[in-house]
Amino acid sequence: MTWTAPAVERDPVPPTGTEAAQLRARLAHQRATLLDRCAGLDGEQLARRAIPPSTLSLLGLVRHLSEVERGWLRATAAAADLGYLYCATDNPDGDFDDARPADAATDFATYHRETTAADAAVGQLALDHEGRHPITGTAYSLRWIYLHLIEEYARHNGHADLLRQCVDGRTGS
């Protein structure tokens, strides 16, 4: 049987709550939106590139956002000493370039593992907590990191909408 990306529930973002709860809920919603755009597709469909020479694909977005979660929440905010998942020095765009249909299930498992680990790493940190980027040494507050991730997901979810429409005509809401 061919592996397909599972369906996902997207919970609405509550209109009230603390700032931290609002940011976490908005990030969770963006994560679920990405997974919703991938739901029901097999590895071949997920790895399909819409417009040559672009290497952008839904699977590439999943891999890229795994890397983003790991880098910003775990390595920067929580100061975990981590290497890259897909972006080696010889190919900094490996998250997109090397997306392979046969690896889709593994890449989705990695994404889920990274988002779970990211949430655990910063779950007890205050929004004013400052972490240092492991390469540049620049200080970033957890609040800034959440806002940056929400922005990054929103931009890439727009790409995901177009990529999904190219695969099977489905549009998202």
N, C-alpha and C. Protein backbone atom coordinates (compact mmCIF):
# COMPACT_ATOMS: atom_id res chain seq x y z
N MET A 1 0.84 -1.18 0.00
CA MET A 1 0.00 0.00 0.00
C MET A 1 0.89 1.25 0.00
N THR A 2 0.51 2.24 -0.77
CA THR A 2 1.25 3.49 -0.86
C THR A 2 0.93 4.38 0.34
N TRP A 3 1.98 4.95 0.94
CA TRP A 3 1.79 5.85 2.07
C TRP A 3 1.15 7.15 1.59
N THR A 4 0.20 7.64 2.35
CA THR A 4 -0.37 8.96 2.07
C THR A 4 -0.35 9.79 3.35
N ALA A 5 -0.23 11.08 3.18
CA ALA A 5 -0.22 11.99 4.33
C ALA A 5 -1.59 11.93 5.01
N PRO A 6 -1.61 11.78 6.32
CA PRO A 6 -2.88 11.66 7.03
C PRO A 6 -3.64 12.98 7.12
N ALA A 7 -4.95 12.84 7.31
CA ALA A 7 -5.80 14.01 7.53
C ALA A 7 -5.46 14.62 8.89
N VAL A 8 -5.75 15.90 9.04
CA VAL A 8 -5.44 16.61 10.28
C VAL A 8 -6.60 17.55 10.61
N GLU A 9 -6.86 17.70 11.89
CA GLU A 9 -7.87 18.65 12.35
C GLU A 9 -7.20 20.00 12.59
N ARG A 10 -7.84 21.06 12.13
CA ARG A 10 -7.34 22.40 12.39
C ARG A 10 -8.27 23.06 13.38
N ASP A 11 -7.79 23.22 14.60
CA ASP A 11 -8.58 23.89 15.63
C ASP A 11 -8.55 25.39 15.39
N PRO A 12 -9.67 26.07 15.62
CA PRO A 12 -9.65 27.52 15.49
C PRO A 12 -8.80 28.14 16.59
N VAL A 13 -8.24 29.29 16.31
CA VAL A 13 -7.45 30.01 17.30
C VAL A 13 -8.42 30.73 18.22
N PRO A 14 -8.33 30.48 19.53
CA PRO A 14 -9.25 31.16 20.45
C PRO A 14 -9.07 32.68 20.38
N PRO A 15 -10.17 33.44 20.44
CA PRO A 15 -10.08 34.89 20.33
C PRO A 15 -9.62 35.60 21.60
N THR A 16 -9.46 34.86 22.68
CA THR A 16 -8.98 35.45 23.93
C THR A 16 -7.94 34.53 24.55
N GLY A 17 -7.21 35.07 25.50
CA GLY A 17 -6.20 34.29 26.20
C GLY A 17 -4.93 35.09 26.38
N THR A 18 -3.99 34.51 27.06
CA THR A 18 -2.72 35.21 27.29
C THR A 18 -1.98 35.35 25.96
N GLU A 19 -1.02 36.24 25.97
CA GLU A 19 -0.21 36.43 24.76
C GLU A 19 0.49 35.13 24.38
N ALA A 20 1.06 34.45 25.36
CA ALA A 20 1.77 33.19 25.07
C ALA A 20 0.82 32.15 24.49
N ALA A 21 -0.37 32.03 25.08
CA ALA A 21 -1.35 31.06 24.58
C ALA A 21 -1.78 31.41 23.16
N GLN A 22 -1.97 32.70 22.89
CA GLN A 22 -2.36 33.14 21.55
C GLN A 22 -1.27 32.81 20.52
N LEU A 23 -0.02 33.08 20.85
CA LEU A 23 1.08 32.80 19.92
C LEU A 23 1.21 31.31 19.66
N ARG A 24 1.12 30.51 20.71
CA ARG A 24 1.22 29.05 20.55
C ARG A 24 0.05 28.51 19.72
N ALA A 25 -1.14 29.03 19.97
CA ALA A 25 -2.31 28.57 19.22
C ALA A 25 -2.21 28.97 17.74
N ARG A 26 -1.73 30.17 17.48
CA ARG A 26 -1.58 30.61 16.09
C ARG A 26 -0.53 29.78 15.37
N LEU A 27 0.58 29.47 16.04
CA LEU A 27 1.60 28.60 15.44
C LEU A 27 1.03 27.21 15.19
N ALA A 28 0.30 26.67 16.16
CA ALA A 28 -0.32 25.35 15.98
C ALA A 28 -1.28 25.35 14.78
N HIS A 29 -2.02 26.42 14.63
CA HIS A 29 -2.95 26.52 13.50
C HIS A 29 -2.20 26.56 12.17
N GLN A 30 -1.09 27.30 12.12
CA GLN A 30 -0.29 27.35 10.89
C GLN A 30 0.32 25.98 10.59
N ARG A 31 0.79 25.29 11.61
CA ARG A 31 1.33 23.94 11.41
C ARG A 31 0.25 23.02 10.83
N ALA A 32 -0.93 23.07 11.42
CA ALA A 32 -2.03 22.22 10.97
C ALA A 32 -2.45 22.58 9.54
N THR A 33 -2.37 23.85 9.18
CA THR A 33 -2.71 24.27 7.82
C THR A 33 -1.75 23.63 6.82
N LEU A 34 -0.45 23.64 7.14
CA LEU A 34 0.51 22.98 6.25
C LEU A 34 0.16 21.51 6.08
N LEU A 35 -0.11 20.82 7.18
CA LEU A 35 -0.43 19.39 7.10
C LEU A 35 -1.73 19.15 6.36
N ASP A 36 -2.69 20.06 6.52
CA ASP A 36 -3.95 19.94 5.79
C ASP A 36 -3.73 20.02 4.28
N ARG A 37 -2.82 20.88 3.85
CA ARG A 37 -2.55 21.01 2.41
C ARG A 37 -1.89 19.75 1.84
N CYS A 38 -1.29 18.96 2.72
CA CYS A 38 -0.62 17.72 2.30
C CYS A 38 -1.51 16.48 2.43
N ALA A 39 -2.59 16.59 3.18
CA ALA A 39 -3.43 15.44 3.52
C ALA A 39 -3.94 14.71 2.29
N GLY A 40 -3.84 13.39 2.33
CA GLY A 40 -4.38 12.54 1.27
C GLY A 40 -3.48 12.36 0.07
N LEU A 41 -2.32 12.99 0.07
CA LEU A 41 -1.40 12.88 -1.07
C LEU A 41 -0.34 11.83 -0.78
N ASP A 42 0.11 11.15 -1.83
CA ASP A 42 1.18 10.17 -1.67
C ASP A 42 2.53 10.84 -1.90
N GLY A 43 3.59 10.07 -1.73
CA GLY A 43 4.93 10.62 -1.85
C GLY A 43 5.21 11.28 -3.18
N GLU A 44 4.75 10.68 -4.26
CA GLU A 44 4.96 11.25 -5.60
C GLU A 44 4.28 12.61 -5.71
N GLN A 45 3.06 12.70 -5.23
CA GLN A 45 2.33 13.96 -5.30
C GLN A 45 2.96 15.03 -4.40
N LEU A 46 3.39 14.61 -3.22
CA LEU A 46 4.00 15.55 -2.28
C LEU A 46 5.33 16.10 -2.79
N ALA A 47 6.06 15.30 -3.54
CA ALA A 47 7.37 15.72 -4.05
C ALA A 47 7.28 16.43 -5.40
N ARG A 48 6.09 16.52 -5.97
CA ARG A 48 5.93 17.15 -7.28
C ARG A 48 6.27 18.63 -7.20
N ARG A 49 7.05 19.06 -8.18
CA ARG A 49 7.45 20.46 -8.28
C ARG A 49 6.57 21.14 -9.32
N ALA A 50 6.02 22.27 -8.96
CA ALA A 50 5.02 22.91 -9.81
C ALA A 50 5.61 23.64 -11.01
N ILE A 51 6.68 24.38 -10.79
CA ILE A 51 7.17 25.26 -11.84
C ILE A 51 8.69 25.13 -11.95
N PRO A 52 9.18 24.45 -12.98
CA PRO A 52 10.63 24.37 -13.17
C PRO A 52 11.20 25.77 -13.42
N PRO A 53 12.36 26.09 -12.96
CA PRO A 53 13.35 25.23 -12.32
C PRO A 53 13.23 25.18 -10.81
N SER A 54 12.14 25.69 -10.25
CA SER A 54 11.97 25.70 -8.80
C SER A 54 11.98 24.28 -8.25
N THR A 55 12.59 24.12 -7.08
CA THR A 55 12.57 22.83 -6.39
C THR A 55 11.51 22.81 -5.29
N LEU A 56 10.66 23.82 -5.26
CA LEU A 56 9.62 23.92 -4.25
C LEU A 56 8.58 22.83 -4.44
N SER A 57 8.29 22.10 -3.37
CA SER A 57 7.26 21.06 -3.36
C SER A 57 6.64 21.04 -1.96
N LEU A 58 5.50 20.38 -1.84
CA LEU A 58 4.89 20.25 -0.52
C LEU A 58 5.82 19.48 0.42
N LEU A 59 6.43 18.42 -0.08
CA LEU A 59 7.35 17.66 0.77
C LEU A 59 8.56 18.51 1.15
N GLY A 60 9.05 19.31 0.23
CA GLY A 60 10.15 20.21 0.54
C GLY A 60 9.76 21.21 1.63
N LEU A 61 8.51 21.68 1.59
CA LEU A 61 8.05 22.60 2.64
C LEU A 61 8.02 21.92 4.01
N VAL A 62 7.57 20.68 4.03
CA VAL A 62 7.55 19.92 5.30
C VAL A 62 8.98 19.78 5.83
N ARG A 63 9.90 19.44 4.95
CA ARG A 63 11.30 19.28 5.35
C ARG A 63 11.88 20.64 5.81
N HIS A 64 11.61 21.68 5.05
CA HIS A 64 12.12 23.02 5.38
C HIS A 64 11.60 23.47 6.74
N LEU A 65 10.31 23.29 6.98
CA LEU A 65 9.75 23.77 8.24
C LEU A 65 10.18 22.90 9.42
N SER A 66 10.56 21.65 9.18
CA SER A 66 11.20 20.85 10.23
C SER A 66 12.51 21.50 10.63
N GLU A 67 13.26 21.91 9.63
CA GLU A 67 14.55 22.58 9.85
C GLU A 67 14.35 23.91 10.57
N VAL A 68 13.34 24.66 10.17
CA VAL A 68 13.05 25.97 10.77
C VAL A 68 12.67 25.82 12.25
N GLU A 69 11.79 24.88 12.55
CA GLU A 69 11.37 24.62 13.94
C GLU A 69 12.59 24.27 14.79
N ARG A 70 13.40 23.38 14.27
CA ARG A 70 14.60 22.91 14.98
C ARG A 70 15.57 24.07 15.24
N GLY A 71 15.80 24.87 14.20
CA GLY A 71 16.77 25.94 14.31
C GLY A 71 16.34 27.09 15.21
N TRP A 72 15.07 27.50 15.09
CA TRP A 72 14.64 28.66 15.86
C TRP A 72 14.23 28.31 17.29
N LEU A 73 13.40 27.29 17.46
CA LEU A 73 12.91 27.01 18.80
C LEU A 73 13.90 26.20 19.63
N ARG A 74 14.47 25.17 19.05
CA ARG A 74 15.37 24.32 19.84
C ARG A 74 16.78 24.88 19.92
N ALA A 75 17.38 25.22 18.77
CA ALA A 75 18.78 25.66 18.78
C ALA A 75 18.93 27.10 19.27
N THR A 76 18.07 27.99 18.81
CA THR A 76 18.21 29.40 19.20
C THR A 76 17.56 29.67 20.55
N ALA A 77 16.27 29.44 20.68
CA ALA A 77 15.58 29.79 21.93
C ALA A 77 16.04 28.92 23.10
N ALA A 78 16.15 27.61 22.89
CA ALA A 78 16.46 26.70 23.99
C ALA A 78 17.94 26.33 24.07
N ALA A 79 18.76 26.86 23.18
CA ALA A 79 20.21 26.66 23.19
C ALA A 79 20.64 25.20 23.08
N ALA A 80 19.86 24.40 22.35
CA ALA A 80 20.25 23.01 22.12
C ALA A 80 21.34 22.97 21.05
N ASP A 81 22.32 22.14 21.25
CA ASP A 81 23.43 22.00 20.30
C ASP A 81 23.02 20.96 19.26
N LEU A 82 22.50 21.44 18.14
CA LEU A 82 21.94 20.55 17.11
C LEU A 82 22.55 20.85 15.75
N GLY A 83 22.69 19.83 14.96
CA GLY A 83 23.09 20.03 13.57
C GLY A 83 21.86 20.18 12.70
N TYR A 84 22.12 20.30 11.41
CA TYR A 84 21.02 20.42 10.46
C TYR A 84 20.45 19.05 10.12
N LEU A 85 19.19 19.04 9.76
CA LEU A 85 18.54 17.81 9.32
C LEU A 85 18.81 17.55 7.84
N TYR A 86 18.63 18.57 7.02
CA TYR A 86 18.67 18.41 5.57
C TYR A 86 19.62 19.38 4.88
N CYS A 87 19.98 20.44 5.54
CA CYS A 87 20.74 21.53 4.91
C CYS A 87 22.23 21.43 5.23
N ALA A 88 22.91 20.58 4.52
CA ALA A 88 24.35 20.41 4.74
C ALA A 88 25.11 21.56 4.10
N THR A 89 26.34 21.74 4.52
CA THR A 89 27.14 22.83 3.97
C THR A 89 27.34 22.70 2.47
N ASP A 90 27.39 21.49 1.96
CA ASP A 90 27.57 21.31 0.51
C ASP A 90 26.26 21.55 -0.26
N ASN A 91 25.12 21.55 0.44
CA ASN A 91 23.84 21.86 -0.20
C ASN A 91 22.91 22.52 0.81
N PRO A 92 23.03 23.84 0.98
CA PRO A 92 22.19 24.53 1.96
C PRO A 92 20.69 24.48 1.62
N ASP A 93 20.34 24.11 0.41
CA ASP A 93 18.93 23.98 0.02
C ASP A 93 18.49 22.52 -0.05
N GLY A 94 19.18 21.66 0.68
CA GLY A 94 18.86 20.23 0.67
C GLY A 94 17.45 19.92 1.13
N ASP A 95 16.88 20.77 1.97
CA ASP A 95 15.51 20.53 2.42
C ASP A 95 14.55 20.52 1.23
N PHE A 96 14.78 21.39 0.26
CA PHE A 96 13.94 21.41 -0.95
C PHE A 96 14.50 20.52 -2.06
N ASP A 97 15.80 20.65 -2.31
CA ASP A 97 16.41 19.96 -3.45
C ASP A 97 16.34 18.45 -3.35
N ASP A 98 16.47 17.92 -2.15
CA ASP A 98 16.61 16.48 -1.98
C ASP A 98 15.34 15.78 -1.51
N ALA A 99 14.19 16.42 -1.65
CA ALA A 99 12.92 15.79 -1.26
C ALA A 99 12.63 14.64 -2.22
N ARG A 100 12.48 13.44 -1.67
CA ARG A 100 12.26 12.23 -2.48
C ARG A 100 10.94 11.57 -2.10
N PRO A 101 10.15 11.18 -3.07
CA PRO A 101 8.86 10.53 -2.78
C PRO A 101 8.97 9.36 -1.81
N ALA A 102 10.00 8.55 -1.96
CA ALA A 102 10.15 7.35 -1.11
C ALA A 102 10.39 7.70 0.35
N ASP A 103 10.82 8.93 0.63
CA ASP A 103 11.13 9.36 2.00
C ASP A 103 9.99 10.13 2.66
N ALA A 104 8.85 10.23 2.01
CA ALA A 104 7.77 11.08 2.52
C ALA A 104 7.33 10.69 3.93
N ALA A 105 7.11 9.42 4.19
CA ALA A 105 6.66 9.00 5.53
C ALA A 105 7.70 9.35 6.59
N THR A 106 8.96 9.13 6.26
CA THR A 106 10.05 9.46 7.20
C THR A 106 10.13 10.96 7.41
N ASP A 107 9.98 11.74 6.35
CA ASP A 107 10.05 13.20 6.47
C ASP A 107 8.89 13.74 7.31
N PHE A 108 7.70 13.15 7.19
CA PHE A 108 6.57 13.58 8.01
C PHE A 108 6.79 13.18 9.47
N ALA A 109 7.35 12.01 9.70
CA ALA A 109 7.66 11.59 11.08
C ALA A 109 8.69 12.54 11.69
N THR A 110 9.67 12.94 10.90
CA THR A 110 10.67 13.90 11.37
C THR A 110 10.00 15.23 11.72
N TYR A 111 9.10 15.69 10.86
CA TYR A 111 8.39 16.95 11.11
C TYR A 111 7.64 16.87 12.45
N HIS A 112 6.90 15.80 12.65
CA HIS A 112 6.14 15.65 13.89
C HIS A 112 7.08 15.57 15.10
N ARG A 113 8.17 14.88 14.96
CA ARG A 113 9.15 14.77 16.05
C ARG A 113 9.74 16.15 16.37
N GLU A 114 10.06 16.92 15.33
CA GLU A 114 10.66 18.24 15.54
C GLU A 114 9.68 19.22 16.17
N THR A 115 8.44 19.22 15.73
CA THR A 115 7.48 20.17 16.32
C THR A 115 7.20 19.80 17.78
N THR A 116 7.11 18.51 18.07
CA THR A 116 6.90 18.07 19.45
C THR A 116 8.09 18.45 20.32
N ALA A 117 9.30 18.19 19.83
CA ALA A 117 10.51 18.54 20.58
C ALA A 117 10.64 20.05 20.74
N ALA A 118 10.27 20.81 19.72
CA ALA A 118 10.34 22.27 19.79
C ALA A 118 9.40 22.80 20.87
N ASP A 119 8.17 22.30 20.87
CA ASP A 119 7.21 22.74 21.89
C ASP A 119 7.71 22.41 23.29
N ALA A 120 8.27 21.22 23.46
CA ALA A 120 8.78 20.82 24.77
C ALA A 120 9.97 21.68 25.19
N ALA A 121 10.82 22.03 24.24
CA ALA A 121 12.03 22.80 24.54
C ALA A 121 11.72 24.21 25.04
N VAL A 122 10.64 24.81 24.54
CA VAL A 122 10.34 26.20 24.91
C VAL A 122 9.09 26.33 25.78
N GLY A 123 8.47 25.22 26.11
CA GLY A 123 7.20 25.26 26.83
C GLY A 123 7.21 26.02 28.14
N GLN A 124 8.33 26.02 28.83
CA GLN A 124 8.41 26.69 30.13
C GLN A 124 9.14 28.04 30.07
N LEU A 125 9.53 28.45 28.87
CA LEU A 125 10.26 29.71 28.73
C LEU A 125 9.30 30.89 28.63
N ALA A 126 9.67 32.01 29.22
CA ALA A 126 8.88 33.24 29.12
C ALA A 126 9.07 33.85 27.74
N LEU A 127 8.10 34.59 27.29
CA LEU A 127 8.20 35.23 25.97
C LEU A 127 9.36 36.21 25.90
N ASP A 128 9.77 36.77 27.02
CA ASP A 128 10.91 37.68 27.05
C ASP A 128 12.25 36.95 27.12
N HIS A 129 12.21 35.64 27.26
CA HIS A 129 13.46 34.85 27.30
C HIS A 129 14.24 35.12 26.02
N GLU A 130 15.55 35.34 26.16
CA GLU A 130 16.39 35.58 24.99
C GLU A 130 17.31 34.40 24.75
N GLY A 131 17.31 33.96 23.52
CA GLY A 131 18.23 32.93 23.09
C GLY A 131 19.16 33.54 22.04
N ARG A 132 20.27 32.89 21.81
CA ARG A 132 21.25 33.39 20.83
C ARG A 132 21.30 32.47 19.63
N HIS A 133 21.26 33.08 18.48
CA HIS A 133 21.37 32.32 17.25
C HIS A 133 22.71 31.59 17.24
N PRO A 134 22.72 30.29 16.96
CA PRO A 134 23.97 29.54 17.08
C PRO A 134 25.06 29.92 16.08
N ILE A 135 24.71 30.56 15.00
CA ILE A 135 25.71 30.95 14.00
C ILE A 135 26.10 32.41 14.15
N THR A 136 25.11 33.30 14.24
CA THR A 136 25.41 34.74 14.29
C THR A 136 25.64 35.28 15.69
N GLY A 137 25.10 34.57 16.69
CA GLY A 137 25.20 35.06 18.06
C GLY A 137 24.21 36.15 18.40
N THR A 138 23.36 36.53 17.45
CA THR A 138 22.35 37.56 17.68
C THR A 138 21.32 37.06 18.69
N ALA A 139 20.93 37.93 19.61
CA ALA A 139 19.92 37.60 20.62
C ALA A 139 18.52 37.80 20.03
N TYR A 140 17.63 36.84 20.30
CA TYR A 140 16.23 36.92 19.88
C TYR A 140 15.36 36.53 21.06
N SER A 141 14.29 37.28 21.28
CA SER A 141 13.34 36.89 22.32
C SER A 141 12.47 35.75 21.78
N LEU A 142 11.93 34.95 22.69
CA LEU A 142 11.02 33.88 22.28
C LEU A 142 9.80 34.49 21.58
N ARG A 143 9.35 35.65 22.02
CA ARG A 143 8.23 36.33 21.37
C ARG A 143 8.55 36.59 19.90
N TRP A 144 9.73 37.14 19.62
CA TRP A 144 10.15 37.43 18.25
C TRP A 144 10.19 36.13 17.44
N ILE A 145 10.70 35.07 18.04
CA ILE A 145 10.81 33.79 17.34
C ILE A 145 9.42 33.26 16.98
N TYR A 146 8.48 33.32 17.93
CA TYR A 146 7.11 32.88 17.61
C TYR A 146 6.53 33.70 16.45
N LEU A 147 6.68 35.00 16.53
CA LEU A 147 6.15 35.85 15.45
C LEU A 147 6.82 35.53 14.12
N HIS A 148 8.11 35.31 14.14
CA HIS A 148 8.83 34.95 12.92
C HIS A 148 8.33 33.62 12.36
N LEU A 149 8.13 32.63 13.22
CA LEU A 149 7.65 31.33 12.75
C LEU A 149 6.24 31.43 12.17
N ILE A 150 5.39 32.19 12.81
CA ILE A 150 4.03 32.38 12.29
C ILE A 150 4.09 33.03 10.90
N GLU A 151 4.94 34.03 10.75
CA GLU A 151 5.13 34.68 9.45
C GLU A 151 5.67 33.69 8.42
N GLU A 152 6.67 32.91 8.81
CA GLU A 152 7.28 31.95 7.89
C GLU A 152 6.26 30.90 7.43
N TYR A 153 5.50 30.37 8.38
CA TYR A 153 4.46 29.40 8.02
C TYR A 153 3.41 30.02 7.11
N ALA A 154 2.97 31.23 7.44
CA ALA A 154 1.92 31.86 6.63
C ALA A 154 2.39 32.04 5.18
N ARG A 155 3.63 32.48 5.01
CA ARG A 155 4.18 32.65 3.66
C ARG A 155 4.23 31.29 2.94
N HIS A 156 4.77 30.29 3.62
CA HIS A 156 4.90 28.98 2.98
C HIS A 156 3.56 28.28 2.82
N ASN A 157 2.59 28.58 3.67
CA ASN A 157 1.27 28.00 3.47
C ASN A 157 0.60 28.58 2.22
N GLY A 158 0.94 29.80 1.86
CA GLY A 158 0.49 30.34 0.57
C GLY A 158 1.09 29.54 -0.57
N HIS A 159 2.38 29.22 -0.45
CA HIS A 159 3.00 28.34 -1.47
C HIS A 159 2.30 26.99 -1.48
N ALA A 160 2.01 26.46 -0.30
CA ALA A 160 1.36 25.14 -0.20
C ALA A 160 0.00 25.14 -0.88
N ASP A 161 -0.74 26.24 -0.75
CA ASP A 161 -2.05 26.34 -1.42
C ASP A 161 -1.88 26.17 -2.94
N LEU A 162 -0.91 26.89 -3.49
CA LEU A 162 -0.70 26.82 -4.94
C LEU A 162 -0.17 25.44 -5.36
N LEU A 163 0.75 24.89 -4.59
CA LEU A 163 1.29 23.57 -4.91
C LEU A 163 0.20 22.51 -4.88
N ARG A 164 -0.66 22.56 -3.87
CA ARG A 164 -1.74 21.59 -3.77
C ARG A 164 -2.70 21.74 -4.95
N GLN A 165 -3.00 22.95 -5.32
CA GLN A 165 -3.91 23.17 -6.44
C GLN A 165 -3.31 22.60 -7.72
N CYS A 166 -2.01 22.69 -7.89
CA CYS A 166 -1.35 22.12 -9.07
C CYS A 166 -1.43 20.60 -9.08
N VAL A 167 -1.43 19.99 -7.91
CA VAL A 167 -1.45 18.52 -7.83
C VAL A 167 -2.84 17.98 -8.18
N ASP A 168 -3.89 18.50 -7.54
CA ASP A 168 -5.21 17.89 -7.75
C ASP A 168 -6.36 18.89 -7.82
N GLY A 169 -6.04 20.17 -7.88
CA GLY A 169 -7.08 21.18 -8.00
C GLY A 169 -7.70 21.60 -6.69
N ARG A 170 -7.35 20.95 -5.60
CA ARG A 170 -7.96 21.29 -4.30
C ARG A 170 -7.43 22.65 -3.83
N THR A 171 -8.33 23.46 -3.33
CA THR A 171 -7.95 24.74 -2.74
C THR A 171 -8.31 24.69 -1.26
N GLY A 172 -7.57 25.44 -0.47
CA GLY A 172 -7.78 25.42 0.98
C GLY A 172 -8.50 26.63 1.48
N SER A 173 -8.87 26.54 2.74
CA SER A 173 -9.50 27.70 3.39
C SER A 173 -8.77 28.00 4.67
